[in-house]
PDB file of N, CA and C in Angstrom:
ATOM      1  N   MET A   1     -30.920  51.496  -8.396  1.00  0.00           N
ATOM      2  CA  MET A   1     -30.869  50.019  -8.831  1.00  0.00           C
ATOM      3  C   MET A   1     -30.688  49.105  -7.524  1.00  0.00           C
ATOM      4  N   SER A   2     -31.638  48.323  -7.556  1.00  0.00           N
ATOM      5  CA  SER A   2     -31.768  47.611  -5.890  1.00  0.00           C
ATOM      6  C   SER A   2     -30.595  46.598  -5.992  1.00  0.00           C
ATOM      7  N   GLU A   3     -30.186  46.248  -4.631  1.00  0.00           N
ATOM      8  CA  GLU A   3     -29.331  44.749  -5.010  1.00  0.00           C
ATOM      9  C   GLU A   3     -29.530  43.600  -5.542  1.00  0.00           C
ATOM     10  N   ALA A   4     -30.736  43.456  -5.878  1.00  0.00           N
ATOM     11  CA  ALA A   4     -31.378  42.359  -6.501  1.00  0.00           C
ATOM     12  C   ALA A   4     -31.235  42.726  -8.087  1.00  0.00           C
ATOM     13  N   GLU A   5     -31.293  43.639  -8.383  1.00  0.00           N
ATOM     14  CA  GLU A   5     -30.899  44.522  -9.939  1.00  0.00           C
ATOM     15  C   GLU A   5     -29.691  44.205  -9.761  1.00  0.00           C
ATOM     16  N   LEU A   6     -28.529  44.212  -9.080  1.00  0.00           N
ATOM     17  CA  LEU A   6     -27.059  44.294  -9.588  1.00  0.00           C
ATOM     18  C   LEU A   6     -27.041  42.548  -9.351  1.00  0.00           C
ATOM     19  N   ILE A   7     -27.703  41.563  -8.581  1.00  0.00           N
ATOM     20  CA  ILE A   7     -27.269  40.772  -8.803  1.00  0.00           C
ATOM     21  C   ILE A   7     -27.351  39.930  -9.998  1.00  0.00           C
ATOM     22  N   PHE A   8     -28.666  40.350 -10.800  1.00  0.00           N
ATOM     23  CA  PHE A   8     -29.004  39.915 -11.566  1.00  0.00           C
ATOM     24  C   PHE A   8     -28.619  40.188 -13.083  1.00  0.00           C
ATOM     25  N   THR A   9     -28.100  41.448 -12.866  1.00  0.00           N
ATOM     26  CA  THR A   9     -27.350  41.806 -13.807  1.00  0.00           C
ATOM     27  C   THR A   9     -25.500  41.079 -14.114  1.00  0.00           C
ATOM     28  N   ALA A  10     -25.281  40.879 -12.736  1.00  0.00           N
ATOM     29  CA  ALA A  10     -24.018  40.296 -12.867  1.00  0.00           C
ATOM     30  C   ALA A  10     -24.166  38.756 -13.317  1.00  0.00           C
ATOM     31  N   LEU A  11     -25.597  38.250 -12.826  1.00  0.00           N
ATOM     32  CA  LEU A  11     -25.734  36.940 -13.682  1.00  0.00           C
ATOM     33  C   LEU A  11     -26.043  36.662 -14.975  1.00  0.00           C
ATOM     34  N   ALA A  12     -26.791  38.165 -16.176  1.00  0.00           N
ATOM     35  CA  ALA A  12     -26.680  38.054 -16.967  1.00  0.00           C
ATOM     36  C   ALA A  12     -25.082  38.276 -17.955  1.00  0.00           C
ATOM     37  N   GLU A  13     -24.389  39.328 -16.935  1.00  0.00           N
ATOM     38  CA  GLU A  13     -22.737  39.446 -17.603  1.00  0.00           C
ATOM     39  C   GLU A  13     -22.260  37.948 -17.354  1.00  0.00           C
ATOM     40  N   LEU A  14     -22.224  37.204 -16.459  1.00  0.00           N
ATOM     41  CA  LEU A  14     -21.435  35.999 -16.103  1.00  0.00           C
ATOM     42  C   LEU A  14     -21.996  34.979 -17.073  1.00  0.00           C
ATOM     43  N   SER A  15     -23.104  34.804 -17.350  1.00  0.00           N
ATOM     44  CA  SER A  15     -23.446  33.777 -18.110  1.00  0.00           C
ATOM     45  C   SER A  15     -22.996  33.964 -19.359  1.00  0.00           C
ATOM     46  N   THR A  16     -23.246  35.355 -19.873  1.00  0.00           N
ATOM     47  CA  THR A  16     -22.714  35.757 -21.115  1.00  0.00           C
ATOM     48  C   THR A  16     -21.228  35.246 -21.671  1.00  0.00           C
ATOM     49  N   ARG A  17     -20.654  35.938 -20.815  1.00  0.00           N
ATOM     50  CA  ARG A  17     -19.171  35.227 -20.835  1.00  0.00           C
ATOM     51  C   ARG A  17     -18.871  34.280 -20.713  1.00  0.00           C
ATOM     52  N   GLN A  18     -19.334  33.249 -19.964  1.00  0.00           N
ATOM     53  CA  GLN A  18     -19.261  31.798 -20.009  1.00  0.00           C
ATOM     54  C   GLN A  18     -19.734  31.158 -21.250  1.00  0.00           C
ATOM     55  N   ILE A  19     -20.521  31.551 -21.443  1.00  0.00           N
ATOM     56  CA  ILE A  19     -21.503  31.025 -22.934  1.00  0.00           C
ATOM     57  C   ILE A  19     -20.181  31.538 -23.720  1.00  0.00           C
ATOM     58  N   ALA A  20     -19.752  32.566 -23.843  1.00  0.00           N
ATOM     59  CA  ALA A  20     -19.174  32.986 -25.318  1.00  0.00           C
ATOM     60  C   ALA A  20     -17.942  31.883 -25.343  1.00  0.00           C
ATOM     61  N   GLU A  21     -17.413  31.847 -23.956  1.00  0.00           N
ATOM     62  CA  GLU A  21     -16.213  31.395 -23.811  1.00  0.00           C
ATOM     63  C   GLU A  21     -15.983  30.078 -23.955  1.00  0.00           C
ATOM     64  N   THR A  22     -17.398  29.036 -23.557  1.00  0.00           N
ATOM     65  CA  THR A  22     -17.196  27.835 -24.186  1.00  0.00           C
ATOM     66  C   THR A  22     -17.612  27.736 -25.509  1.00  0.00           C
ATOM     67  N   THR A  23     -18.569  28.320 -25.981  1.00  0.00           N
ATOM     68  CA  THR A  23     -18.313  28.541 -27.712  1.00  0.00           C
ATOM     69  C   THR A  23     -17.572  28.644 -28.181  1.00  0.00           C
ATOM     70  N   ALA A  24     -16.643  29.416 -27.873  1.00  0.00           N
ATOM     71  CA  ALA A  24     -15.334  30.323 -28.246  1.00  0.00           C
ATOM     72  C   ALA A  24     -15.948  31.277 -29.717  1.00  0.00           C
ATOM     73  N   ALA A  25     -16.788  32.121 -28.641  1.00  0.00           N
ATOM     74  CA  ALA A  25     -17.558  33.268 -29.967  1.00  0.00           C
ATOM     75  C   ALA A  25     -16.408  34.143 -29.998  1.00  0.00           C
ATOM     76  N   THR A  26     -16.445  34.808 -31.651  1.00  0.00           N
ATOM     77  CA  THR A  26     -15.879  35.650 -32.230  1.00  0.00           C
ATOM     78  C   THR A  26     -16.675  36.256 -33.094  1.00  0.00           C
ATOM     79  N   GLY A  27     -16.368  37.642 -32.986  1.00  0.00           N
ATOM     80  CA  GLY A  27     -17.142  38.331 -33.853  1.00  0.00           C
ATOM     81  C   GLY A  27     -18.263  39.004 -33.120  1.00  0.00           C
ATOM     82  N   LEU A  28     -18.983  39.587 -33.736  1.00  0.00           N
ATOM     83  CA  LEU A  28     -19.947  40.351 -33.461  1.00  0.00           C
ATOM     84  C   LEU A  28     -21.351  39.748 -33.029  1.00  0.00           C
ATOM     85  N   THR A  29     -21.937  38.507 -34.184  1.00  0.00           N
ATOM     86  CA  THR A  29     -22.745  37.747 -34.555  1.00  0.00           C
ATOM     87  C   THR A  29     -22.774  36.606 -33.205  1.00  0.00           C
ATOM     88  N   GLU A  30     -21.643  36.078 -33.342  1.00  0.00           N
ATOM     89  CA  GLU A  30     -21.486  34.833 -32.278  1.00  0.00           C
ATOM     90  C   GLU A  30     -21.424  35.377 -31.067  1.00  0.00           C
ATOM     91  N   ASN A  31     -21.007  36.810 -30.494  1.00  0.00           N
ATOM     92  CA  ASN A  31     -21.065  37.291 -29.225  1.00  0.00           C
ATOM     93  C   ASN A  31     -22.476  37.800 -29.053  1.00  0.00           C
ATOM     94  N   LYS A  32     -23.107  38.344 -30.023  1.00  0.00           N
ATOM     95  CA  LYS A  32     -24.870  38.661 -29.716  1.00  0.00           C
ATOM     96  C   LYS A  32     -25.588  37.454 -29.476  1.00  0.00           C
ATOM     97  N   SER A  33     -25.218  36.377 -29.623  1.00  0.00           N
ATOM     98  CA  SER A  33     -25.749  35.395 -29.422  1.00  0.00           C
ATOM     99  C   SER A  33     -25.945  35.043 -28.270  1.00  0.00           C
ATOM    100  N   ALA A  34     -24.627  34.968 -27.531  1.00  0.00           N
ATOM    101  CA  ALA A  34     -24.187  34.334 -26.465  1.00  0.00           C
ATOM    102  C   ALA A  34     -24.750  35.456 -25.384  1.00  0.00           C
ATOM    103  N   ALA A  35     -24.541  36.611 -25.394  1.00  0.00           N
ATOM    104  CA  ALA A  35     -25.311  37.853 -24.970  1.00  0.00           C
ATOM    105  C   ALA A  35     -27.103  37.634 -24.970  1.00  0.00           C
ATOM    106  N   LYS A  36     -27.779  37.272 -25.940  1.00  0.00           N
ATOM    107  CA  LYS A  36     -29.081  36.877 -25.917  1.00  0.00           C
ATOM    108  C   LYS A  36     -29.467  35.916 -24.788  1.00  0.00           C
ATOM    109  N   THR A  37     -28.709  35.031 -24.987  1.00  0.00           N
ATOM    110  CA  THR A  37     -28.594  33.369 -23.961  1.00  0.00           C
ATOM    111  C   THR A  37     -28.404  33.993 -22.798  1.00  0.00           C
ATOM    112  N   GLY A  38     -27.252  34.717 -22.476  1.00  0.00           N
ATOM    113  CA  GLY A  38     -27.046  35.096 -21.118  1.00  0.00           C
ATOM    114  C   GLY A  38     -28.061  36.104 -20.611  1.00  0.00           C
ATOM    115  N   GLY A  39     -28.795  36.318 -21.434  1.00  0.00           N
ATOM    116  CA  GLY A  39     -29.510  37.348 -20.730  1.00  0.00           C
ATOM    117  C   GLY A  39     -31.353  36.849 -20.566  1.00  0.00           C
ATOM    118  N   LYS A  40     -31.081  35.863 -21.356  1.00  0.00           N
ATOM    119  CA  LYS A  40     -32.332  34.919 -21.207  1.00  0.00           C
ATOM    120  C   LYS A  40     -32.184  33.993 -19.663  1.00  0.00           C
ATOM    121  N   ILE A  41     -31.207  33.584 -19.364  1.00  0.00           N
ATOM    122  CA  ILE A  41     -30.890  33.045 -18.144  1.00  0.00           C
ATOM    123  C   ILE A  41     -31.139  34.105 -17.040  1.00  0.00           C
ATOM    124  N   ALA A  42     -30.771  35.204 -17.118  1.00  0.00           N
ATOM    125  CA  ALA A  42     -30.924  36.165 -15.837  1.00  0.00           C
ATOM    126  C   ALA A  42     -32.797  36.110 -15.748  1.00  0.00           C
ATOM    127  N   ARG A  43     -33.031  36.510 -17.074  1.00  0.00           N
ATOM    128  CA  ARG A  43     -34.665  36.732 -16.648  1.00  0.00           C
ATOM    129  C   ARG A  43     -35.380  35.847 -16.173  1.00  0.00           C
ATOM    130  N   SER A  44     -35.149  34.588 -16.929  1.00  0.00           N
ATOM    131  CA  SER A  44     -36.026  33.301 -16.065  1.00  0.00           C
ATOM    132  C   SER A  44     -35.590  33.499 -14.595  1.00  0.00           C
ATOM    133  N   ALA A  45     -34.045  33.634 -14.224  1.00  0.00           N
ATOM    134  CA  ALA A  45     -34.170  33.479 -12.781  1.00  0.00           C
ATOM    135  C   ALA A  45     -35.161  34.874 -12.163  1.00  0.00           C
ATOM    136  N   ARG A  46     -34.978  35.794 -12.742  1.00  0.00           N
ATOM    137  CA  ARG A  46     -35.515  37.230 -12.149  1.00  0.00           C
ATOM    138  C   ARG A  46     -37.020  37.073 -11.967  1.00  0.00           C
ATOM    139  N   LEU A  47     -37.919  36.119 -13.178  1.00  0.00           N
ATOM    140  CA  LEU A  47     -39.010  36.238 -12.982  1.00  0.00           C
ATOM    141  C   LEU A  47     -39.498  35.173 -11.648  1.00  0.00           C
ATOM    142  N   GLN A  48     -38.992  34.059 -12.123  1.00  0.00           N
ATOM    143  CA  GLN A  48     -38.858  33.181 -10.752  1.00  0.00           C
ATOM    144  C   GLN A  48     -38.886  33.605  -9.706  1.00  0.00           C
ATOM    145  N   LEU A  49     -38.105  34.763  -9.281  1.00  0.00           N
ATOM    146  CA  LEU A  49     -37.662  35.410  -7.945  1.00  0.00           C
ATOM    147  C   LEU A  49     -38.945  35.867  -7.914  1.00  0.00           C
ATOM    148  N   GLU A  50     -39.392  36.680  -8.912  1.00  0.00           N
ATOM    149  CA  GLU A  50     -40.841  37.507  -8.424  1.00  0.00           C
ATOM    150  C   GLU A  50     -41.905  36.709  -8.524  1.00  0.00           C
ATOM    151  N   ALA A  51     -41.968  35.791  -9.086  1.00  0.00           N
ATOM    152  CA  ALA A  51     -43.517  34.799  -8.873  1.00  0.00           C
ATOM    153  C   ALA A  51     -43.274  34.347  -7.362  1.00  0.00           C
ATOM    154  N   GLN A  52     -42.262  34.007  -7.108  1.00  0.00           N
ATOM    155  CA  GLN A  52     -42.092  33.413  -5.863  1.00  0.00           C
ATOM    156  C   GLN A  52     -42.561  34.639  -4.696  1.00  0.00           C
ATOM    157  N   THR A  53     -42.034  36.107  -4.959  1.00  0.00           N
ATOM    158  CA  THR A  53     -41.859  36.998  -3.645  1.00  0.00           C
ATOM    159  C   THR A  53     -43.141  37.732  -3.885  1.00  0.00           C
ATOM    160  N   ASP A  54     -43.891  37.981  -4.801  1.00  0.00           N
ATOM    161  CA  ASP A  54     -44.492  38.843  -5.587  1.00  0.00           C
ATOM    162  C   ASP A  54     -44.236  40.079  -5.241  1.00  0.00           C
ATOM    163  N   LYS A  55     -43.046  40.618  -5.394  1.00  0.00           N
ATOM    164  CA  LYS A  55     -42.340  41.700  -5.745  1.00  0.00           C
ATOM    165  C   LYS A  55     -41.778  41.963  -6.897  1.00  0.00           C
ATOM    166  N   PRO A  56     -41.300  43.077  -7.164  1.00  0.00           N
ATOM    167  CA  PRO A  56     -40.671  43.308  -8.754  1.00  0.00           C
ATOM    168  C   PRO A  56     -39.581  43.621  -8.349  1.00  0.00           C
ATOM    169  N   VAL A  57     -38.438  42.958  -9.032  1.00  0.00           N
ATOM    170  CA  VAL A  57     -37.175  42.972  -8.608  1.00  0.00           C
ATOM    171  C   VAL A  57     -36.270  44.516  -9.523  1.00  0.00           C
ATOM    172  N   VAL A  58     -37.310  44.932 -10.381  1.00  0.00           N
ATOM    173  CA  VAL A  58     -36.705  46.399 -11.314  1.00  0.00           C
ATOM    174  C   VAL A  58     -37.319  47.457 -10.302  1.00  0.00           C
ATOM    175  N   THR A  59     -36.259  48.403  -9.888  1.00  0.00           N
ATOM    176  CA  THR A  59     -36.958  49.535  -8.961  1.00  0.00           C
ATOM    177  C   THR A  59     -36.357  50.969  -9.973  1.00  0.00           C
ATOM    178  N   GLY A  60     -37.003  51.572  -9.247  1.00  0.00           N
ATOM    179  CA  GLY A  60     -36.419  53.284  -9.518  1.00  0.00           C
ATOM    180  C   GLY A  60     -35.455  53.936  -8.910  1.00  0.00           C
ATOM    181  N   GLU A  61     -35.033  52.878  -7.898  1.00  0.00           N
ATOM    182  CA  GLU A  61     -34.178  53.693  -6.785  1.00  0.00           C
ATOM    183  C   GLU A  61     -32.569  53.063  -7.157  1.00  0.00           C
ATOM    184  N   ASN A  62     -31.604  54.263  -6.706  1.00  0.00           N
ATOM    185  CA  ASN A  62     -29.904  54.029  -7.010  1.00  0.00           C
ATOM    186  C   ASN A  62     -29.749  52.692  -5.815  1.00  0.00           C
ATOM    187  N   TYR A  63     -28.722  52.154  -6.050  1.00  0.00           N
ATOM    188  CA  TYR A  63     -28.008  51.606  -4.931  1.00  0.00           C
ATOM    189  C   TYR A  63     -26.905  52.121  -4.265  1.00  0.00           C
ATOM    190  N   LEU A  64     -26.480  53.373  -4.648  1.00  0.00           N
ATOM    191  CA  LEU A  64     -25.376  54.046  -3.758  1.00  0.00           C
ATOM    192  C   LEU A  64     -26.219  54.975  -3.367  1.00  0.00           C
ATOM    193  N   PRO A  65     -25.873  55.552  -2.242  1.00  0.00           N
ATOM    194  CA  PRO A  65     -26.188  56.555  -1.493  1.00  0.00           C
ATOM    195  C   PRO A  65     -26.020  58.136  -2.516  1.00  0.00           C
ATOM    196  N   PRO A  66     -26.565  58.897  -2.389  1.00  0.00           N
ATOM    197  CA  PRO A  66     -26.547  60.400  -3.638  1.00  0.00           C
ATOM    198  C   PRO A  66     -25.275  60.747  -3.150  1.00  0.00           C
ATOM    199  N   GLY A  67     -24.612  61.403  -3.816  1.00  0.00           N
ATOM    200  CA  GLY A  67     -22.968  61.748  -3.605  1.00  0.00           C
ATOM    201  C   GLY A  67     -22.741  63.044  -4.538  1.00  0.00           C
ATOM    202  N   LYS A  68     -21.662  63.774  -4.192  1.00  0.00           N
ATOM    203  CA  LYS A  68     -21.328  64.679  -5.600  1.00  0.00           C
ATOM    204  C   LYS A  68     -21.564  64.268  -7.022  1.00  0.00           C
ATOM    205  N   SER A  69     -21.534  65.176  -7.727  1.00  0.00           N
ATOM    206  CA  SER A  69     -21.332  64.400  -8.919  1.00  0.00           C
ATOM    207  C   SER A  69     -20.085  64.741  -9.772  1.00  0.00           C
ATOM    208  N   ARG A  70     -19.721  64.075 -10.615  1.00  0.00           N
ATOM    209  CA  ARG A  70     -18.477  64.009 -10.988  1.00  0.00           C
ATOM    210  C   ARG A  70     -17.984  65.266 -11.729  1.00  0.00           C
ATOM    211  N   LYS A  71     -18.769  66.531 -11.996  1.00  0.00           N
ATOM    212  CA  LYS A  71     -18.766  67.446 -12.956  1.00  0.00           C
ATOM    213  C   LYS A  71     -18.660  68.345 -11.698  1.00  0.00           C
ATOM    214  N   SER A  72     -19.245  68.229 -10.233  1.00  0.00           N
ATOM    215  CA  SER A  72     -19.213  69.103  -9.233  1.00  0.00           C
ATOM    216  C   SER A  72     -16.987  69.042  -8.691  1.00  0.00           C
ATOM    217  N   GLN A  73     -16.615  67.981  -8.998  1.00  0.00           N
ATOM    218  CA  GLN A  73     -15.602  67.772  -8.571  1.00  0.00           C
ATOM    219  C   GLN A  73     -14.594  68.259  -9.285  1.00  0.00           C
ATOM    220  N   ASN A  74     -13.459  69.240  -8.650  1.00  0.00           N
ATOM    221  CA  ASN A  74     -12.227  70.091  -8.832  1.00  0.00           C
ATOM    222  C   ASN A  74     -11.092  69.078  -9.540  1.00  0.00           C
ATOM    223  N   ILE A  75     -11.008  68.693 -11.062  1.00  0.00           N
ATOM    224  CA  ILE A  75     -10.494  67.730 -11.440  1.00  0.00           C
ATOM    225  C   ILE A  75      -9.002  68.708 -12.109  1.00  0.00           C
ATOM    226  N   GLN A  76      -7.706  67.931 -11.077  1.00  0.00           N
ATOM    227  CA  GLN A  76      -6.731  68.827 -11.407  1.00  0.00           C
ATOM    228  C   GLN A  76      -5.899  68.213 -13.067  1.00  0.00           C
ATOM    229  N   ASP A  77      -4.865  69.002 -13.554  1.00  0.00           N
ATOM    230  CA  ASP A  77      -4.517  68.520 -15.026  1.00  0.00           C
ATOM    231  C   ASP A  77      -3.649  67.868 -14.146  1.00  0.00           C
ATOM    232  N   VAL A  78      -2.999  66.571 -14.934  1.00  0.00           N
ATOM    233  CA  VAL A  78      -2.113  65.975 -14.724  1.00  0.00           C
ATOM    234  C   VAL A  78      -0.689  66.257 -15.355  1.00  0.00           C
ATOM    235  N   PRO A  79       0.209  66.348 -14.495  1.00  0.00           N
ATOM    236  CA  PRO A  79       1.803  67.025 -14.596  1.00  0.00           C
ATOM    237  C   PRO A  79       2.319  66.263 -15.943  1.00  0.00           C
ATOM    238  N   GLY A  80       2.927  66.793 -17.066  1.00  0.00           N
ATOM    239  CA  GLY A  80       3.135  66.124 -18.227  1.00  0.00           C
ATOM    240  C   GLY A  80       2.521  66.226 -19.391  1.00  0.00           C
ATOM    241  N   GLU A  81       1.247  66.537 -18.987  1.00  0.00           N
ATOM    242  CA  GLU A  81       0.459  66.352 -20.301  1.00  0.00           C
ATOM    243  C   GLU A  81       0.262  67.528 -21.204  1.00  0.00           C
TER     244      GLU A  81
END
């Protein structure tokens, strides 16, 4: 995931949250509507940037450098459990 992908994902999440708060969305149906609207806002912004730069925002790369997988880490039991 590129830096731009992270930014547009954050934009979608922020837009969704603010729309849900503004409309006092409760329940799955109302929150789903807010999520669709928030996603449309981020999609529109992404398409505008791609049109201006002639470069795709979505990539197959990882934003973080490769590291150890969580499975390979030695996780010790927590005392008292």
